[in-house]
Amino acid sequence: MSAENKAIVRRVLDSITNGNVDEGARCMAPNFIWHGPGAEVRGPEGWKQLVASYLTAFPDLSFTIEDQIAEGDRVATRYTAHGTHRGELAGVAASGRVVAVPCHNVDRIVDGKVVETFEVFDQLGMFAAIGTLPALPESV
């Protein structure tokens, strides 16, 4: 079951990269809930709206999966989101800057559908990269 659950999560991420968010939404249960920074999104349609906002800001959005671990009904994925800021994001006009944002998700899969996602990502780093905050030191 672990391999199948990992594949479902990969299919969701691939659907965003490939611009086929309907495919990703088909992986969601009707009662799906996304818990993310400062917000909750409900249902496959809510997820599609969330993804649309990021694709507006980063039309070339893609993901590199760094690690993926599955146990029981949970899949933990560490990945990097890559994109060029070409559209508005949270009221911030396009900067044209390229970003690489570290992300972590824990997805719960039931009967082959994603029912819940817990996501954290480096918001501070993302906003610094698009120029809305002072640049952060690369290392100390």
N, C-alpha and C. Protein backbone atom coordinates (compact mmCIF):
# COMPACT_ATOMS: atom_id res chain seq x y z
N MET A 1 0.81 -1.20 0.00
CA MET A 1 0.00 0.00 0.00
C MET A 1 0.86 1.26 0.00
N SER A 2 2.02 1.21 0.64
CA SER A 2 2.87 2.39 0.72
C SER A 2 3.28 2.90 -0.66
N ALA A 3 3.65 2.00 -1.55
CA ALA A 3 4.05 2.41 -2.90
C ALA A 3 2.89 3.04 -3.65
N GLU A 4 1.70 2.49 -3.48
CA GLU A 4 0.52 3.05 -4.15
C GLU A 4 0.21 4.44 -3.60
N ASN A 5 0.32 4.61 -2.29
CA ASN A 5 0.04 5.92 -1.70
C ASN A 5 1.06 6.97 -2.14
N LYS A 6 2.33 6.58 -2.23
CA LYS A 6 3.35 7.49 -2.74
C LYS A 6 3.03 7.91 -4.18
N ALA A 7 2.59 6.96 -4.98
CA ALA A 7 2.27 7.24 -6.38
C ALA A 7 1.12 8.24 -6.49
N ILE A 8 0.15 8.15 -5.59
CA ILE A 8 -0.98 9.09 -5.60
C ILE A 8 -0.47 10.51 -5.34
N VAL A 9 0.39 10.66 -4.35
CA VAL A 9 0.93 11.99 -4.03
C VAL A 9 1.76 12.52 -5.20
N ARG A 10 2.56 11.65 -5.80
CA ARG A 10 3.34 12.08 -6.97
C ARG A 10 2.42 12.51 -8.12
N ARG A 11 1.32 11.79 -8.30
CA ARG A 11 0.36 12.14 -9.36
C ARG A 11 -0.22 13.53 -9.12
N VAL A 12 -0.50 13.86 -7.87
CA VAL A 12 -1.02 15.19 -7.54
C VAL A 12 0.01 16.26 -7.91
N LEU A 13 1.26 16.09 -7.48
CA LEU A 13 2.29 17.07 -7.79
C LEU A 13 2.54 17.16 -9.30
N ASP A 14 2.58 16.02 -9.97
CA ASP A 14 2.77 16.01 -11.42
C ASP A 14 1.64 16.73 -12.14
N SER A 15 0.41 16.61 -11.62
CA SER A 15 -0.73 17.26 -12.28
C SER A 15 -0.57 18.77 -12.29
N ILE A 16 0.07 19.32 -11.26
CA ILE A 16 0.31 20.76 -11.21
C ILE A 16 1.38 21.14 -12.22
N THR A 17 2.49 20.41 -12.21
CA THR A 17 3.58 20.67 -13.15
C THR A 17 3.10 20.57 -14.60
N ASN A 18 2.25 19.58 -14.87
CA ASN A 18 1.78 19.34 -16.24
C ASN A 18 0.59 20.21 -16.62
N GLY A 19 0.11 21.04 -15.69
CA GLY A 19 -1.03 21.92 -15.99
C GLY A 19 -2.34 21.18 -16.11
N ASN A 20 -2.43 20.00 -15.52
CA ASN A 20 -3.66 19.21 -15.57
C ASN A 20 -4.21 19.03 -14.16
N VAL A 21 -4.64 20.16 -13.55
CA VAL A 21 -5.07 20.11 -12.15
C VAL A 21 -6.34 19.27 -11.97
N ASP A 22 -7.10 19.06 -13.04
CA ASP A 22 -8.27 18.17 -12.92
C ASP A 22 -7.83 16.76 -12.53
N GLU A 23 -6.69 16.31 -13.06
CA GLU A 23 -6.16 15.00 -12.70
C GLU A 23 -5.81 14.96 -11.21
N GLY A 24 -5.19 16.00 -10.71
CA GLY A 24 -4.88 16.07 -9.29
C GLY A 24 -6.13 16.09 -8.44
N ALA A 25 -7.14 16.84 -8.87
CA ALA A 25 -8.40 16.92 -8.12
C ALA A 25 -9.10 15.56 -8.07
N ARG A 26 -8.92 14.75 -9.11
CA ARG A 26 -9.52 13.40 -9.10
C ARG A 26 -8.87 12.50 -8.05
N CYS A 27 -7.70 12.88 -7.57
CA CYS A 27 -7.02 12.12 -6.52
C CYS A 27 -7.55 12.49 -5.13
N MET A 28 -8.39 13.52 -5.04
CA MET A 28 -8.89 14.01 -3.76
C MET A 28 -10.25 13.39 -3.43
N ALA A 29 -10.44 13.09 -2.15
CA ALA A 29 -11.75 12.66 -1.67
C ALA A 29 -12.67 13.88 -1.63
N PRO A 30 -14.00 13.67 -1.72
CA PRO A 30 -14.93 14.80 -1.67
C PRO A 30 -14.78 15.64 -0.39
N ASN A 31 -14.39 15.00 0.71
CA ASN A 31 -14.24 15.71 1.99
C ASN A 31 -12.79 16.14 2.24
N PHE A 32 -11.99 16.22 1.19
CA PHE A 32 -10.58 16.61 1.29
C PHE A 32 -10.42 17.93 2.03
N ILE A 33 -9.36 18.04 2.84
CA ILE A 33 -9.01 19.30 3.49
C ILE A 33 -7.50 19.49 3.44
N TRP A 34 -7.10 20.69 3.06
CA TRP A 34 -5.68 21.09 3.01
C TRP A 34 -5.44 22.05 4.15
N HIS A 35 -4.46 21.73 4.99
CA HIS A 35 -4.05 22.60 6.08
C HIS A 35 -2.72 23.20 5.68
N GLY A 36 -2.70 24.50 5.44
CA GLY A 36 -1.47 25.15 5.02
C GLY A 36 -1.20 26.39 5.85
N PRO A 37 -0.15 27.11 5.51
CA PRO A 37 0.20 28.31 6.26
C PRO A 37 -0.95 29.32 6.28
N GLY A 38 -1.54 29.48 7.44
CA GLY A 38 -2.58 30.48 7.62
C GLY A 38 -3.92 30.21 6.99
N ALA A 39 -4.15 29.01 6.47
CA ALA A 39 -5.42 28.77 5.77
C ALA A 39 -5.78 27.29 5.78
N GLU A 40 -7.04 27.04 5.52
CA GLU A 40 -7.53 25.70 5.24
C GLU A 40 -8.35 25.77 3.96
N VAL A 41 -8.21 24.76 3.15
CA VAL A 41 -8.96 24.67 1.89
C VAL A 41 -9.71 23.36 1.91
N ARG A 42 -10.95 23.39 1.48
CA ARG A 42 -11.79 22.19 1.52
C ARG A 42 -12.25 21.76 0.13
N GLY A 43 -12.22 20.45 -0.07
CA GLY A 43 -12.74 19.85 -1.29
C GLY A 43 -11.81 19.98 -2.48
N PRO A 44 -12.03 19.11 -3.47
CA PRO A 44 -11.22 19.18 -4.69
C PRO A 44 -11.30 20.53 -5.40
N GLU A 45 -12.47 21.16 -5.39
CA GLU A 45 -12.61 22.46 -6.05
C GLU A 45 -11.83 23.54 -5.31
N GLY A 46 -11.86 23.49 -3.99
CA GLY A 46 -11.06 24.44 -3.21
C GLY A 46 -9.58 24.26 -3.48
N TRP A 47 -9.15 22.99 -3.60
CA TRP A 47 -7.75 22.71 -3.92
C TRP A 47 -7.40 23.29 -5.29
N LYS A 48 -8.29 23.11 -6.26
CA LYS A 48 -8.03 23.64 -7.61
C LYS A 48 -7.89 25.16 -7.58
N GLN A 49 -8.70 25.85 -6.78
CA GLN A 49 -8.60 27.31 -6.67
C GLN A 49 -7.26 27.71 -6.04
N LEU A 50 -6.84 26.98 -5.01
CA LEU A 50 -5.55 27.25 -4.38
C LEU A 50 -4.42 27.08 -5.39
N VAL A 51 -4.43 25.98 -6.10
CA VAL A 51 -3.39 25.72 -7.10
C VAL A 51 -3.42 26.78 -8.19
N ALA A 52 -4.61 27.20 -8.62
CA ALA A 52 -4.73 28.23 -9.66
C ALA A 52 -4.05 29.52 -9.23
N SER A 53 -4.16 29.87 -7.95
CA SER A 53 -3.52 31.11 -7.48
C SER A 53 -1.99 31.01 -7.59
N TYR A 54 -1.45 29.83 -7.30
CA TYR A 54 0.00 29.65 -7.42
C TYR A 54 0.43 29.55 -8.88
N LEU A 55 -0.38 28.95 -9.74
CA LEU A 55 -0.03 28.87 -11.16
C LEU A 55 -0.15 30.24 -11.84
N THR A 56 -1.01 31.11 -11.32
CA THR A 56 -1.07 32.48 -11.83
C THR A 56 0.23 33.20 -11.50
N ALA A 57 0.71 33.01 -10.28
CA ALA A 57 1.94 33.67 -9.85
C ALA A 57 3.18 33.03 -10.47
N PHE A 58 3.16 31.70 -10.59
CA PHE A 58 4.31 30.94 -11.10
C PHE A 58 3.83 29.99 -12.20
N PRO A 59 3.61 30.48 -13.41
CA PRO A 59 3.05 29.63 -14.47
C PRO A 59 3.93 28.44 -14.86
N ASP A 60 5.23 28.52 -14.56
CA ASP A 60 6.15 27.41 -14.87
C ASP A 60 6.43 26.56 -13.63
N LEU A 61 5.53 26.58 -12.66
CA LEU A 61 5.72 25.87 -11.40
C LEU A 61 6.01 24.39 -11.64
N SER A 62 7.05 23.91 -10.98
CA SER A 62 7.39 22.48 -11.04
C SER A 62 7.96 22.06 -9.70
N PHE A 63 8.07 20.76 -9.52
CA PHE A 63 8.50 20.22 -8.23
C PHE A 63 9.59 19.17 -8.41
N THR A 64 10.51 19.17 -7.49
CA THR A 64 11.52 18.12 -7.41
C THR A 64 11.33 17.43 -6.07
N ILE A 65 10.97 16.16 -6.11
CA ILE A 65 10.80 15.41 -4.88
C ILE A 65 12.17 14.97 -4.39
N GLU A 66 12.48 15.37 -3.15
CA GLU A 66 13.77 15.05 -2.54
C GLU A 66 13.69 13.76 -1.74
N ASP A 67 12.63 13.60 -0.97
CA ASP A 67 12.41 12.42 -0.13
C ASP A 67 10.92 12.14 -0.08
N GLN A 68 10.60 10.86 0.05
CA GLN A 68 9.20 10.48 0.23
C GLN A 68 9.17 9.21 1.06
N ILE A 69 8.42 9.26 2.16
CA ILE A 69 8.34 8.14 3.09
C ILE A 69 6.87 7.85 3.34
N ALA A 70 6.49 6.59 3.29
CA ALA A 70 5.10 6.21 3.52
C ALA A 70 5.03 5.17 4.62
N GLU A 71 4.02 5.33 5.46
CA GLU A 71 3.75 4.36 6.50
C GLU A 71 2.25 4.39 6.78
N GLY A 72 1.63 3.24 6.73
CA GLY A 72 0.19 3.19 6.95
C GLY A 72 -0.53 4.05 5.92
N ASP A 73 -1.40 4.94 6.41
CA ASP A 73 -2.17 5.78 5.50
C ASP A 73 -1.52 7.15 5.27
N ARG A 74 -0.28 7.34 5.71
CA ARG A 74 0.41 8.63 5.61
C ARG A 74 1.58 8.57 4.63
N VAL A 75 1.74 9.68 3.90
CA VAL A 75 2.90 9.85 3.02
C VAL A 75 3.53 11.20 3.36
N ALA A 76 4.79 11.18 3.72
CA ALA A 76 5.55 12.40 3.99
C ALA A 76 6.43 12.68 2.77
N THR A 77 6.34 13.89 2.26
CA THR A 77 7.09 14.26 1.07
C THR A 77 7.85 15.55 1.34
N ARG A 78 9.16 15.51 1.08
CA ARG A 78 9.99 16.72 1.12
C ARG A 78 10.35 17.02 -0.32
N TYR A 79 10.02 18.23 -0.75
CA TYR A 79 10.25 18.57 -2.15
C TYR A 79 10.60 20.05 -2.28
N THR A 80 11.06 20.42 -3.45
CA THR A 80 11.35 21.82 -3.75
C THR A 80 10.44 22.28 -4.88
N ALA A 81 9.78 23.41 -4.66
CA ALA A 81 8.96 24.03 -5.69
C ALA A 81 9.83 25.05 -6.42
N HIS A 82 9.79 25.00 -7.75
CA HIS A 82 10.58 25.90 -8.59
C HIS A 82 9.62 26.69 -9.47
N GLY A 83 9.91 27.96 -9.67
CA GLY A 83 9.08 28.73 -10.59
C GLY A 83 9.60 30.14 -10.77
N THR A 84 9.06 30.81 -11.79
CA THR A 84 9.39 32.20 -12.08
C THR A 84 8.18 33.05 -11.73
N HIS A 85 8.38 34.07 -10.91
CA HIS A 85 7.29 34.92 -10.44
C HIS A 85 6.83 35.85 -11.57
N ARG A 86 5.83 35.40 -12.33
CA ARG A 86 5.35 36.13 -13.50
C ARG A 86 3.95 36.71 -13.33
N GLY A 87 3.34 36.49 -12.17
CA GLY A 87 1.99 37.00 -11.92
C GLY A 87 1.84 37.39 -10.46
N GLU A 88 0.74 38.05 -10.15
CA GLU A 88 0.50 38.52 -8.79
C GLU A 88 0.42 37.37 -7.80
N LEU A 89 1.00 37.60 -6.63
CA LEU A 89 0.94 36.64 -5.53
C LEU A 89 0.67 37.41 -4.25
N ALA A 90 -0.48 37.17 -3.64
CA ALA A 90 -0.85 37.83 -2.38
C ALA A 90 -0.68 39.35 -2.47
N GLY A 91 -1.09 39.92 -3.60
CA GLY A 91 -1.01 41.37 -3.79
C GLY A 91 0.35 41.87 -4.24
N VAL A 92 1.30 40.97 -4.46
CA VAL A 92 2.65 41.35 -4.89
C VAL A 92 2.74 41.17 -6.40
N ALA A 93 3.05 42.26 -7.10
CA ALA A 93 3.15 42.22 -8.56
C ALA A 93 4.32 41.33 -8.98
N ALA A 94 4.23 40.82 -10.20
CA ALA A 94 5.26 39.94 -10.76
C ALA A 94 6.63 40.62 -10.69
N SER A 95 7.62 39.85 -10.29
CA SER A 95 8.99 40.37 -10.19
C SER A 95 9.90 39.80 -11.27
N GLY A 96 9.48 38.69 -11.89
CA GLY A 96 10.32 38.02 -12.87
C GLY A 96 11.42 37.19 -12.25
N ARG A 97 11.46 37.14 -10.93
CA ARG A 97 12.52 36.40 -10.24
C ARG A 97 12.21 34.90 -10.18
N VAL A 98 13.27 34.12 -10.25
CA VAL A 98 13.16 32.67 -10.15
C VAL A 98 13.31 32.28 -8.69
N VAL A 99 12.43 31.38 -8.23
CA VAL A 99 12.47 30.95 -6.84
C VAL A 99 12.59 29.43 -6.75
N ALA A 100 13.15 29.00 -5.65
CA ALA A 100 13.20 27.57 -5.28
C ALA A 100 12.79 27.54 -3.81
N VAL A 101 11.64 26.93 -3.53
CA VAL A 101 11.06 26.97 -2.20
C VAL A 101 10.99 25.57 -1.62
N PRO A 102 11.65 25.33 -0.47
CA PRO A 102 11.53 24.02 0.18
C PRO A 102 10.14 23.84 0.79
N CYS A 103 9.58 22.65 0.59
CA CYS A 103 8.22 22.34 1.05
C CYS A 103 8.20 20.96 1.72
N HIS A 104 7.26 20.80 2.64
CA HIS A 104 7.05 19.51 3.30
C HIS A 104 5.55 19.26 3.40
N ASN A 105 5.12 18.10 2.97
CA ASN A 105 3.71 17.70 3.07
C ASN A 105 3.61 16.38 3.80
N VAL A 106 2.53 16.24 4.54
CA VAL A 106 2.12 14.93 5.04
C VAL A 106 0.70 14.76 4.54
N ASP A 107 0.50 13.74 3.72
CA ASP A 107 -0.81 13.44 3.13
C ASP A 107 -1.38 12.19 3.78
N ARG A 108 -2.69 12.21 4.00
CA ARG A 108 -3.38 11.02 4.50
C ARG A 108 -4.24 10.48 3.36
N ILE A 109 -4.04 9.21 3.06
CA ILE A 109 -4.71 8.55 1.94
C ILE A 109 -5.68 7.50 2.50
N VAL A 110 -6.92 7.54 2.03
CA VAL A 110 -7.92 6.55 2.43
C VAL A 110 -8.62 6.06 1.15
N ASP A 111 -8.64 4.75 0.96
CA ASP A 111 -9.29 4.15 -0.21
C ASP A 111 -8.82 4.78 -1.52
N GLY A 112 -7.51 5.03 -1.61
CA GLY A 112 -6.93 5.53 -2.85
C GLY A 112 -7.15 7.00 -3.12
N LYS A 113 -7.64 7.75 -2.14
CA LYS A 113 -7.89 9.19 -2.31
C LYS A 113 -7.20 9.97 -1.20
N VAL A 114 -6.72 11.16 -1.53
CA VAL A 114 -6.14 12.04 -0.52
C VAL A 114 -7.30 12.67 0.25
N VAL A 115 -7.32 12.47 1.56
CA VAL A 115 -8.39 13.05 2.38
C VAL A 115 -7.89 14.25 3.17
N GLU A 116 -6.57 14.35 3.36
CA GLU A 116 -6.05 15.45 4.16
C GLU A 116 -4.59 15.68 3.80
N THR A 117 -4.23 16.96 3.70
CA THR A 117 -2.84 17.35 3.45
C THR A 117 -2.45 18.39 4.48
N PHE A 118 -1.30 18.18 5.09
CA PHE A 118 -0.69 19.17 5.97
C PHE A 118 0.55 19.66 5.24
N GLU A 119 0.59 20.95 4.92
CA GLU A 119 1.71 21.49 4.14
C GLU A 119 2.38 22.64 4.88
N VAL A 120 3.69 22.64 4.88
CA VAL A 120 4.48 23.78 5.33
C VAL A 120 5.52 24.06 4.25
N PHE A 121 5.79 25.34 4.05
CA PHE A 121 6.83 25.72 3.10
C PHE A 121 7.46 27.03 3.56
N ASP A 122 8.60 27.33 3.00
CA ASP A 122 9.38 28.50 3.41
C ASP A 122 8.79 29.77 2.82
N GLN A 123 7.72 30.26 3.46
CA GLN A 123 7.07 31.49 2.98
C GLN A 123 8.02 32.69 3.05
N LEU A 124 8.74 32.81 4.15
CA LEU A 124 9.65 33.94 4.32
C LEU A 124 10.69 33.95 3.20
N GLY A 125 11.29 32.79 2.94
CA GLY A 125 12.26 32.69 1.87
C GLY A 125 11.66 32.99 0.50
N MET A 126 10.42 32.52 0.27
CA MET A 126 9.76 32.77 -1.01
C MET A 126 9.53 34.27 -1.22
N PHE A 127 9.01 34.96 -0.19
CA PHE A 127 8.76 36.39 -0.35
C PHE A 127 10.05 37.19 -0.43
N ALA A 128 11.10 36.75 0.24
CA ALA A 128 12.40 37.40 0.10
C ALA A 128 12.93 37.21 -1.33
N ALA A 129 12.74 36.01 -1.87
CA ALA A 129 13.23 35.71 -3.22
C ALA A 129 12.53 36.53 -4.29
N ILE A 130 11.25 36.86 -4.08
CA ILE A 130 10.54 37.66 -5.09
C ILE A 130 10.71 39.16 -4.83
N GLY A 131 11.46 39.51 -3.78
CA GLY A 131 11.84 40.89 -3.57
C GLY A 131 10.95 41.71 -2.66
N THR A 132 10.08 41.07 -1.89
CA THR A 132 9.20 41.84 -1.00
C THR A 132 9.75 41.97 0.40
N LEU A 133 10.82 41.26 0.70
CA LEU A 133 11.48 41.32 2.00
C LEU A 133 12.98 41.44 1.75
N PRO A 134 13.73 41.92 2.74
CA PRO A 134 15.19 41.93 2.57
C PRO A 134 15.71 40.54 2.30
N ALA A 135 16.75 40.44 1.51
CA ALA A 135 17.35 39.14 1.20
C ALA A 135 17.85 38.48 2.48
N LEU A 136 17.67 37.20 2.55
CA LEU A 136 18.13 36.41 3.70
C LEU A 136 19.54 35.91 3.43
N PRO A 137 20.36 35.76 4.47
CA PRO A 137 21.71 35.21 4.23
C PRO A 137 21.60 33.78 3.75
N GLU A 138 22.47 33.41 2.81
CA GLU A 138 22.42 32.05 2.27
C GLU A 138 22.88 31.02 3.28
N SER A 139 23.85 31.37 4.11
CA SER A 139 24.29 30.48 5.19
C SER A 139 25.04 31.31 6.21
N VAL A 140 25.16 30.74 7.38
CA VAL A 140 25.85 31.44 8.45
C VAL A 140 27.03 30.63 8.91
